[in-house]
Structures are given as structure tokens and as C-alpha cells.
């Protein structure tokens, strides 16, 4: 097990102040199994890790478990920068809101099948906005792949 992942289960448990005995009872499993998970002797099955994640109220534990356990998951899913997740969510919300405005305006402009003189400026502005959204998304994808 990688050094920083050795105790993902223990770290999550300690944040909630549960004892190993309490966790074993809630999962349910043996205290020895909980100890084995926390010392890296064994990896908990997915259903146990999901229960731990729920008990500890830690969605990050489920993600960390998946990323540790599955090489395929590490290849498919981007690495999350948890510190910037709220910022990324707000940026995505802004992009979606901007896209919806553009979509509605494009519908209005395109209803008659003609982009006339007074619609041209807004149409060009929409194209620029959509290009910016695509550009930001591609930057995010590139930074996640690094």
C-alpha cells in the first residue's frame, strides 16, 4: 500500500471519534478485520468501504478506496484536487448558466432561419462565449490529466 494511503480507513474513523469496536459493530464485521484494514494488511471489500464511508459521513473515503484498489479507476478517473472542488463547482455552474443563456438566445436568433443585421452582434458574442467555455473545459481536462 502506498504510504499516504496506508491509513485512509483509520484517518476517516478517527475524524468521527469512533472506536474500532464501534465500527466493527456498525459495519458489521470483526474488530480484527477493522484493524487489518487500518494497518494495510487487507483491503476492505467495496461494500465494507461503502458502509465505512456512510458511517463516517466521508464520501472522500469511498473515492480514495476506489482509487487505491483499482488501477483501472486511476487510469479512467481524473485526480481530484479536493481543495479546489468548491471553486470548480462554482465555475461549472457559471458555465452552465452562461450556456443556457446562449442557448435561449440562439433559439431566438435561429427561429426564422436567418441571422439578420441586428442579430449578428449577439450571435458573434454567443460564439465567443461558447468558445471560452470550451476552452476553460479543455484547460481543466488538461490539468486533470497531468
Protein backbone atom coordinates (compact mmCIF):
# COMPACT_ATOMS: atom_id res chain seq x y z
CA UNK A 1 0.00 0.00 0.00
CA UNK A 2 1.27 3.50 -0.73
CA UNK A 3 2.49 5.36 2.34
CA UNK A 4 -0.12 8.15 2.14
CA UNK A 5 -2.94 5.62 1.65
CA UNK A 6 -1.91 3.26 4.43
CA UNK A 7 -4.39 4.66 6.89
CA UNK A 8 -7.23 6.12 4.81
CA UNK A 9 -9.67 3.97 6.77
CA UNK A 10 -8.13 4.84 10.13
CA UNK A 11 -7.95 8.55 9.33
CA UNK A 12 -11.64 8.58 8.38
CA UNK A 13 -12.56 6.70 11.56
CA UNK A 14 -10.54 8.97 13.83
CA UNK A 15 -12.24 12.05 12.39
CA UNK A 16 -15.53 10.68 13.70
CA UNK A 17 -14.15 9.56 17.07
CA UNK A 18 -15.48 6.02 16.62
CA UNK A 19 -13.57 3.19 18.20
CA UNK A 20 -12.66 0.13 16.15
CA UNK A 21 -15.14 -1.83 18.23
CA UNK A 22 -17.98 0.58 17.42
CA UNK A 23 -17.15 0.45 13.73
CA UNK A 24 -16.99 -3.34 13.74
CA UNK A 25 -20.47 -3.42 15.26
CA UNK A 26 -21.91 -0.86 12.81
CA UNK A 27 -20.49 -2.43 9.63
CA UNK A 28 -20.89 -5.37 10.88
CA UNK A 29 -17.54 -7.14 10.88
CA UNK A 30 -14.93 -8.23 13.37
CA UNK A 31 -12.63 -5.85 15.23
CA UNK A 32 -9.74 -7.85 13.77
CA UNK A 33 -10.95 -7.02 10.25
CA UNK A 34 -11.17 -3.31 11.07
CA UNK A 35 -7.61 -3.45 12.43
CA UNK A 36 -6.42 -5.27 9.30
CA UNK A 37 -7.97 -2.59 7.08
CA UNK A 38 -6.42 0.19 9.12
CA UNK A 39 -2.94 -1.35 9.13
CA UNK A 40 -2.96 -2.20 5.44
CA UNK A 41 -2.89 -5.95 5.96
CA UNK A 42 -6.06 -6.29 3.87
CA UNK A 43 -8.19 -4.05 1.71
CA UNK A 44 -11.85 -3.97 2.68
CA UNK A 45 -14.35 -5.25 0.13
CA UNK A 46 -16.21 -2.49 -1.71
CA UNK A 47 -19.41 -3.00 0.27
CA UNK A 48 -17.49 -2.61 3.56
CA UNK A 49 -15.72 0.51 2.30
CA UNK A 50 -19.11 1.93 1.25
CA UNK A 51 -20.52 1.26 4.71
CA UNK A 52 -17.47 2.90 6.29
CA UNK A 53 -17.88 5.91 4.02
CA UNK A 54 -21.53 6.18 5.06
CA UNK A 55 -20.86 5.64 8.78
CA UNK A 56 -18.02 8.18 8.78
CA UNK A 57 -20.01 10.59 6.58
CA UNK A 58 -16.96 10.70 4.31
CA UNK A 59 -17.59 10.44 0.56
CA UNK A 60 -13.85 11.05 0.13
CA UNK A 61 -13.18 7.65 1.71
CA UNK A 62 -15.20 5.89 -0.99
CA UNK A 63 -13.28 7.78 -3.68
CA UNK A 64 -9.90 7.11 -2.03
CA UNK A 65 -10.79 3.42 -1.62
CA UNK A 66 -11.71 3.10 -5.29
CA UNK A 67 -8.59 4.90 -6.45
CA UNK A 68 -6.36 2.78 -4.21
CA UNK A 69 -7.98 -0.53 -5.05
CA UNK A 70 -8.39 -0.19 -8.80
CA UNK A 71 -5.66 0.60 -11.28
CA UNK A 72 -8.37 0.94 -13.93
CA UNK A 73 -10.11 3.61 -11.83
CA UNK A 74 -6.84 5.53 -11.51
CA UNK A 75 -6.47 5.46 -15.29
CA UNK A 76 -10.08 6.40 -16.08
CA UNK A 77 -10.97 8.95 -13.42
CA UNK A 78 -9.08 12.20 -13.09
CA UNK A 79 -7.30 13.01 -9.90
CA UNK A 80 -9.46 15.31 -7.84
CA UNK A 81 -7.96 18.43 -6.40
CA UNK A 82 -10.17 18.46 -3.32
CA UNK A 83 -9.01 21.90 -2.27
CA UNK A 84 -10.41 23.40 -5.47
CA UNK A 85 -13.61 21.37 -5.69
CA UNK A 86 -15.92 24.17 -4.45
CA UNK A 87 -14.29 26.57 -6.90
CA UNK A 88 -14.65 24.05 -9.73
CA UNK A 89 -18.33 23.52 -8.90
CA UNK A 90 -18.99 27.26 -8.97
CA UNK A 91 -17.13 27.61 -12.26
CA UNK A 92 -19.11 24.75 -13.77
CA UNK A 93 -22.36 26.30 -12.54
CA UNK A 94 -21.35 29.61 -14.11
CA UNK A 95 -20.52 27.88 -17.39
CA UNK A 96 -23.83 26.01 -17.42
CA UNK A 97 -25.76 29.21 -16.65
CA UNK A 98 -23.93 31.05 -19.42
CA UNK A 99 -24.56 28.18 -21.82
CA UNK A 100 -28.30 28.25 -21.03
CA UNK A 101 -28.44 31.99 -21.75
CA UNK A 102 -26.62 31.40 -25.03
CA UNK A 103 -28.90 28.50 -25.93
CA UNK A 104 -32.03 30.57 -25.36
CA UNK A 105 -30.65 33.46 -27.41
CA UNK A 106 -29.56 31.09 -30.19
CA UNK A 107 -33.08 29.68 -30.33
CA UNK A 108 -34.49 33.20 -30.63
CA UNK A 109 -31.97 34.12 -33.32
CA UNK A 110 -32.43 30.90 -35.28
CA UNK A 111 -36.22 30.64 -35.16
CA UNK A 112 -36.62 32.25 -38.57
CA UNK A 113 -33.56 30.54 -40.05
CA UNK A 114 -31.86 33.87 -40.75
CA UNK A 115 -29.26 35.83 -38.82
CA UNK A 116 -30.15 39.37 -39.72
CA UNK A 117 -28.19 42.56 -39.08
CA UNK A 118 -29.37 43.29 -35.54
CA UNK A 119 -28.89 39.62 -34.50
CA UNK A 120 -25.34 39.31 -35.90
CA UNK A 121 -23.59 41.05 -32.97
CA UNK A 122 -25.33 38.83 -30.38
CA UNK A 123 -24.66 35.72 -32.49
CA UNK A 124 -20.94 36.55 -32.67
CA UNK A 125 -20.89 37.24 -28.93
CA UNK A 126 -22.53 33.86 -28.25
CA UNK A 127 -19.94 32.09 -30.42
CA UNK A 128 -17.14 33.77 -28.45
CA UNK A 129 -18.76 32.85 -25.13
CA UNK A 130 -19.18 29.22 -26.16
CA UNK A 131 -15.56 29.13 -27.38
CA UNK A 132 -14.44 30.44 -23.96
CA UNK A 133 -16.48 27.77 -22.14
CA UNK A 134 -14.98 25.01 -24.31
CA UNK A 135 -11.50 26.47 -23.78
CA UNK A 136 -11.92 26.51 -19.97
CA UNK A 137 -13.20 22.93 -20.02
CA UNK A 138 -10.24 21.79 -22.12
CA UNK A 139 -7.85 23.51 -19.67
CA UNK A 140 -9.49 21.71 -16.77
CA UNK A 141 -9.21 18.40 -18.61
CA UNK A 142 -5.52 19.02 -19.37
CA UNK A 143 -4.74 19.91 -15.74
CA UNK A 144 -6.54 16.76 -14.53
CA UNK A 145 -4.52 14.60 -16.92
CA UNK A 146 -1.18 15.91 -15.66
